[in-house]
């Protein structure tokens, strides 16, 4: 094993182990299971996502996290209002979002992020490469909001819209 790869493997295993401790508590009976889970997780992560040059920008990631948290709260309140107030319209339907990210891991991460935002759910890819997105109100500027989300996301991963 190359020194750089072993360093990445150790860091990933430690990260998974710390995550295990956080979610289960530090009960002594769970330490052995956590160590095994961390090693298996690190091995799987190295197989599925081999180490390579990282293009994640920390400042962009901080901006994405803050924006995501704010949008989640605002979107969650809006969804709850629409669900509990019969006076507010629900005009569910689909919109086509012309995603600029090429098919692959970055696009998959973006659609996963998009699915976590209240009121939108990527449903399918169109023949022309766009995304079919289910939303609660098709009258809202859904595609404009998704374009902002994509711009913030691409700033994190170090790609500009349309990069191959």
C-alpha atoms as a PDB file:
ATOM      1  CA  UNK A   1       0.000   0.000   0.000  1.00  0.00           C
ATOM      2  CA  UNK A   2       1.371   3.402  -0.957  1.00  0.00           C
ATOM      3  CA  UNK A   3       2.088   5.827   1.901  1.00  0.00           C
ATOM      4  CA  UNK A   4      -0.456   8.372   0.591  1.00  0.00           C
ATOM      5  CA  UNK A   5      -3.115   5.659   0.260  1.00  0.00           C
ATOM      6  CA  UNK A   6      -2.422   4.312   3.752  1.00  0.00           C
ATOM      7  CA  UNK A   7      -2.686   7.839   5.184  1.00  0.00           C
ATOM      8  CA  UNK A   8      -6.065   8.296   3.448  1.00  0.00           C
ATOM      9  CA  UNK A   9      -7.211   4.871   4.677  1.00  0.00           C
ATOM     10  CA  UNK A  10      -6.250   5.708   8.270  1.00  0.00           C
ATOM     11  CA  UNK A  11      -7.946   9.123   8.093  1.00  0.00           C
ATOM     12  CA  UNK A  12     -11.126   7.627   6.674  1.00  0.00           C
ATOM     13  CA  UNK A  13     -11.182   4.834   9.260  1.00  0.00           C
ATOM     14  CA  UNK A  14     -10.661   7.370  12.050  1.00  0.00           C
ATOM     15  CA  UNK A  15     -13.410   9.571  10.633  1.00  0.00           C
ATOM     16  CA  UNK A  16     -15.845   6.662  10.467  1.00  0.00           C
ATOM     17  CA  UNK A  17     -14.891   5.597  13.983  1.00  0.00           C
ATOM     18  CA  UNK A  18     -15.450   9.116  15.360  1.00  0.00           C
ATOM     19  CA  UNK A  19     -18.797   9.199  13.570  1.00  0.00           C
ATOM     20  CA  UNK A  20     -19.664   5.841  15.163  1.00  0.00           C
ATOM     21  CA  UNK A  21     -18.799   7.200  18.616  1.00  0.00           C
ATOM     22  CA  UNK A  22     -20.916  10.304  17.991  1.00  0.00           C
ATOM     23  CA  UNK A  23     -24.021   8.397  16.947  1.00  0.00           C
ATOM     24  CA  UNK A  24     -23.787   5.558  19.486  1.00  0.00           C
ATOM     25  CA  UNK A  25     -22.174   7.259  22.434  1.00  0.00           C
ATOM     26  CA  UNK A  26     -18.946   6.073  23.953  1.00  0.00           C
ATOM     27  CA  UNK A  27     -20.247   2.914  25.603  1.00  0.00           C
ATOM     28  CA  UNK A  28     -17.354   0.491  26.047  1.00  0.00           C
ATOM     29  CA  UNK A  29     -19.450  -2.424  24.760  1.00  0.00           C
ATOM     30  CA  UNK A  30     -19.821  -0.670  21.373  1.00  0.00           C
ATOM     31  CA  UNK A  31     -16.152   0.179  20.819  1.00  0.00           C
ATOM     32  CA  UNK A  32     -15.212  -3.157  19.206  1.00  0.00           C
ATOM     33  CA  UNK A  33     -18.232  -3.108  16.896  1.00  0.00           C
ATOM     34  CA  UNK A  34     -17.432   0.503  16.025  1.00  0.00           C
ATOM     35  CA  UNK A  35     -13.844  -0.359  15.166  1.00  0.00           C
ATOM     36  CA  UNK A  36     -14.964  -3.173  12.874  1.00  0.00           C
ATOM     37  CA  UNK A  37     -17.630  -0.965  11.259  1.00  0.00           C
ATOM     38  CA  UNK A  38     -15.073   1.810  10.739  1.00  0.00           C
ATOM     39  CA  UNK A  39     -12.577  -0.545   9.082  1.00  0.00           C
ATOM     40  CA  UNK A  40     -15.219  -2.046   6.788  1.00  0.00           C
ATOM     41  CA  UNK A  41     -16.533   1.429   5.962  1.00  0.00           C
ATOM     42  CA  UNK A  42     -13.050   2.712   5.189  1.00  0.00           C
ATOM     43  CA  UNK A  43     -12.356  -0.285   2.941  1.00  0.00           C
ATOM     44  CA  UNK A  44     -15.671   0.212   1.098  1.00  0.00           C
ATOM     45  CA  UNK A  45     -15.086   3.948   0.736  1.00  0.00           C
ATOM     46  CA  UNK A  46     -11.626   3.338  -0.738  1.00  0.00           C
ATOM     47  CA  UNK A  47     -13.115   0.900  -3.251  1.00  0.00           C
ATOM     48  CA  UNK A  48     -16.031   3.173  -4.182  1.00  0.00           C
ATOM     49  CA  UNK A  49     -14.206   6.505  -4.046  1.00  0.00           C
ATOM     50  CA  UNK A  50     -10.461   6.042  -4.461  1.00  0.00           C
ATOM     51  CA  UNK A  51      -8.311   8.921  -3.254  1.00  0.00           C
ATOM     52  CA  UNK A  52      -7.598  11.550  -5.827  1.00  0.00           C
ATOM     53  CA  UNK A  53      -6.967  15.241  -5.998  1.00  0.00           C
ATOM     54  CA  UNK A  54      -9.560  16.989  -3.871  1.00  0.00           C
ATOM     55  CA  UNK A  55     -11.229  19.929  -5.484  1.00  0.00           C
ATOM     56  CA  UNK A  56     -13.550  20.712  -2.598  1.00  0.00           C
ATOM     57  CA  UNK A  57     -13.239  24.334  -1.560  1.00  0.00           C
ATOM     58  CA  UNK A  58     -13.765  24.815   2.197  1.00  0.00           C
ATOM     59  CA  UNK A  59     -15.193  28.335   1.824  1.00  0.00           C
ATOM     60  CA  UNK A  60     -17.645  27.097  -0.785  1.00  0.00           C
ATOM     61  CA  UNK A  61     -18.578  24.153   1.433  1.00  0.00           C
ATOM     62  CA  UNK A  62     -19.293  26.483   4.369  1.00  0.00           C
ATOM     63  CA  UNK A  63     -21.485  28.632   2.116  1.00  0.00           C
ATOM     64  CA  UNK A  64     -23.313  25.540   0.827  1.00  0.00           C
ATOM     65  CA  UNK A  65     -23.960  24.227   4.344  1.00  0.00           C
ATOM     66  CA  UNK A  66     -25.290  27.577   5.564  1.00  0.00           C
ATOM     67  CA  UNK A  67     -27.451  28.028   2.473  1.00  0.00           C
ATOM     68  CA  UNK A  68     -28.747  24.476   2.752  1.00  0.00           C
ATOM     69  CA  UNK A  69     -29.687  24.924   6.414  1.00  0.00           C
ATOM     70  CA  UNK A  70     -31.471  28.216   5.728  1.00  0.00           C
ATOM     71  CA  UNK A  71     -33.276  26.840   2.665  1.00  0.00           C
ATOM     72  CA  UNK A  72     -34.284  23.731   4.611  1.00  0.00           C
ATOM     73  CA  UNK A  73     -35.849  25.765   7.401  1.00  0.00           C
ATOM     74  CA  UNK A  74     -37.599  28.221   5.070  1.00  0.00           C
ATOM     75  CA  UNK A  75     -38.728  25.417   2.751  1.00  0.00           C
ATOM     76  CA  UNK A  76     -39.893  23.257   5.643  1.00  0.00           C
ATOM     77  CA  UNK A  77     -41.994  26.092   7.051  1.00  0.00           C
ATOM     78  CA  UNK A  78     -43.478  26.738   3.593  1.00  0.00           C
ATOM     79  CA  UNK A  79     -44.318  23.058   3.088  1.00  0.00           C
ATOM     80  CA  UNK A  80     -45.904  22.877   6.556  1.00  0.00           C
ATOM     81  CA  UNK A  81     -47.957  26.024   5.905  1.00  0.00           C
ATOM     82  CA  UNK A  82     -49.213  24.628   2.613  1.00  0.00           C
ATOM     83  CA  UNK A  83     -50.035  21.282   4.176  1.00  0.00           C
ATOM     84  CA  UNK A  84     -51.978  22.702   7.122  1.00  0.00           C
ATOM     85  CA  UNK A  85     -53.674  25.710   5.515  1.00  0.00           C
ATOM     86  CA  UNK A  86     -56.273  24.720   2.927  1.00  0.00           C
ATOM     87  CA  UNK A  87     -56.335  28.330   1.659  1.00  0.00           C
ATOM     88  CA  UNK A  88     -52.751  28.105   0.345  1.00  0.00           C
ATOM     89  CA  UNK A  89     -52.423  26.581  -3.096  1.00  0.00           C
ATOM     90  CA  UNK A  90     -50.684  23.325  -3.822  1.00  0.00           C
ATOM     91  CA  UNK A  91     -50.078  23.200  -7.535  1.00  0.00           C
ATOM     92  CA  UNK A  92     -47.988  20.078  -7.668  1.00  0.00           C
ATOM     93  CA  UNK A  93     -46.408  19.059 -10.898  1.00  0.00           C
ATOM     94  CA  UNK A  94     -43.180  18.608 -12.759  1.00  0.00           C
ATOM     95  CA  UNK A  95     -40.701  21.120 -14.131  1.00  0.00           C
ATOM     96  CA  UNK A  96     -37.685  20.415 -16.299  1.00  0.00           C
ATOM     97  CA  UNK A  97     -34.463  21.779 -14.890  1.00  0.00           C
ATOM     98  CA  UNK A  98     -31.637  22.093 -17.442  1.00  0.00           C
ATOM     99  CA  UNK A  99     -28.838  20.860 -15.196  1.00  0.00           C
ATOM    100  CA  UNK A 100     -25.386  21.854 -16.387  1.00  0.00           C
ATOM    101  CA  UNK A 101     -23.397  19.204 -14.557  1.00  0.00           C
ATOM    102  CA  UNK A 102     -22.460  16.236 -16.744  1.00  0.00           C
ATOM    103  CA  UNK A 103     -23.708  12.782 -15.818  1.00  0.00           C
ATOM    104  CA  UNK A 104     -21.526  11.254 -13.130  1.00  0.00           C
ATOM    105  CA  UNK A 105     -20.683  11.585  -9.439  1.00  0.00           C
ATOM    106  CA  UNK A 106     -20.960  15.386  -9.244  1.00  0.00           C
ATOM    107  CA  UNK A 107     -24.404  15.368 -10.835  1.00  0.00           C
ATOM    108  CA  UNK A 108     -25.495  12.522  -8.578  1.00  0.00           C
ATOM    109  CA  UNK A 109     -24.361  14.479  -5.505  1.00  0.00           C
ATOM    110  CA  UNK A 110     -26.251  17.548  -6.718  1.00  0.00           C
ATOM    111  CA  UNK A 111     -29.478  15.597  -7.301  1.00  0.00           C
ATOM    112  CA  UNK A 112     -29.115  14.059  -3.838  1.00  0.00           C
ATOM    113  CA  UNK A 113     -28.734  17.523  -2.341  1.00  0.00           C
ATOM    114  CA  UNK A 114     -31.722  18.703  -4.365  1.00  0.00           C
ATOM    115  CA  UNK A 115     -33.852  15.843  -3.039  1.00  0.00           C
ATOM    116  CA  UNK A 116     -33.154  16.954   0.542  1.00  0.00           C
ATOM    117  CA  UNK A 117     -34.607  20.411  -0.002  1.00  0.00           C
ATOM    118  CA  UNK A 118     -38.282  20.617   0.962  1.00  0.00           C
ATOM    119  CA  UNK A 119     -40.691  20.876  -1.940  1.00  0.00           C
ATOM    120  CA  UNK A 120     -38.470  19.468  -4.702  1.00  0.00           C
ATOM    121  CA  UNK A 121     -37.689  15.931  -5.720  1.00  0.00           C
ATOM    122  CA  UNK A 122     -35.683  14.945  -8.806  1.00  0.00           C
ATOM    123  CA  UNK A 123     -37.708  12.227 -10.500  1.00  0.00           C
ATOM    124  CA  UNK A 124     -36.006  11.405 -13.785  1.00  0.00           C
ATOM    125  CA  UNK A 125     -33.555  12.559 -16.435  1.00  0.00           C
ATOM    126  CA  UNK A 126     -34.888  13.898 -19.705  1.00  0.00           C
ATOM    127  CA  UNK A 127     -33.649  12.822 -23.110  1.00  0.00           C
ATOM    128  CA  UNK A 128     -31.939  16.184 -23.568  1.00  0.00           C
ATOM    129  CA  UNK A 129     -29.967  15.816 -20.330  1.00  0.00           C
ATOM    130  CA  UNK A 130     -32.181  17.872 -18.040  1.00  0.00           C
ATOM    131  CA  UNK A 131     -33.789  16.752 -14.815  1.00  0.00           C
ATOM    132  CA  UNK A 132     -37.489  16.200 -14.326  1.00  0.00           C
ATOM    133  CA  UNK A 133     -38.216  17.648 -10.893  1.00  0.00           C
ATOM    134  CA  UNK A 134     -41.436  17.171  -8.940  1.00  0.00           C
ATOM    135  CA  UNK A 135     -42.371  20.249  -6.950  1.00  0.00           C
ATOM    136  CA  UNK A 136     -45.212  21.379  -4.720  1.00  0.00           C
ATOM    137  CA  UNK A 137     -45.963  24.556  -6.639  1.00  0.00           C
ATOM    138  CA  UNK A 138     -45.100  24.805 -10.318  1.00  0.00           C
ATOM    139  CA  UNK A 139     -45.969  28.520 -10.220  1.00  0.00           C
ATOM    140  CA  UNK A 140     -42.922  29.226  -8.037  1.00  0.00           C
ATOM    141  CA  UNK A 141     -39.525  30.009  -9.667  1.00  0.00           C
ATOM    142  CA  UNK A 142     -38.274  26.465  -9.081  1.00  0.00           C
ATOM    143  CA  UNK A 143     -35.752  26.368 -11.933  1.00  0.00           C
ATOM    144  CA  UNK A 144     -34.258  29.731 -10.931  1.00  0.00           C
ATOM    145  CA  UNK A 145     -33.820  28.510  -7.348  1.00  0.00           C
ATOM    146  CA  UNK A 146     -32.274  25.246  -8.540  1.00  0.00           C
ATOM    147  CA  UNK A 147     -29.865  27.212 -10.732  1.00  0.00           C
ATOM    148  CA  UNK A 148     -28.716  29.120  -7.629  1.00  0.00           C
ATOM    149  CA  UNK A 149     -28.292  25.838  -5.745  1.00  0.00           C
ATOM    150  CA  UNK A 150     -26.276  24.380  -8.617  1.00  0.00           C
ATOM    151  CA  UNK A 151     -24.040  27.462  -8.738  1.00  0.00           C
ATOM    152  CA  UNK A 152     -23.295  27.180  -5.009  1.00  0.00           C
ATOM    153  CA  UNK A 153     -22.700  23.435  -5.360  1.00  0.00           C
ATOM    154  CA  UNK A 154     -20.320  23.828  -8.302  1.00  0.00           C
ATOM    155  CA  UNK A 155     -18.360  26.428  -6.316  1.00  0.00           C
ATOM    156  CA  UNK A 156     -17.778  23.754  -3.673  1.00  0.00           C
ATOM    157  CA  UNK A 157     -16.542  21.057  -6.017  1.00  0.00           C
ATOM    158  CA  UNK A 158     -14.418  23.405  -8.083  1.00  0.00           C
ATOM    159  CA  UNK A 159     -16.260  23.126 -11.375  1.00  0.00           C
ATOM    160  CA  UNK A 160     -17.980  25.774 -13.355  1.00  0.00           C
ATOM    161  CA  UNK A 161     -21.374  25.074 -14.867  1.00  0.00           C
ATOM    162  CA  UNK A 162     -20.961  22.927 -17.933  1.00  0.00           C
ATOM    163  CA  UNK A 163     -17.458  21.586 -17.120  1.00  0.00           C
ATOM    164  CA  UNK A 164     -16.901  18.061 -18.364  1.00  0.00           C
END
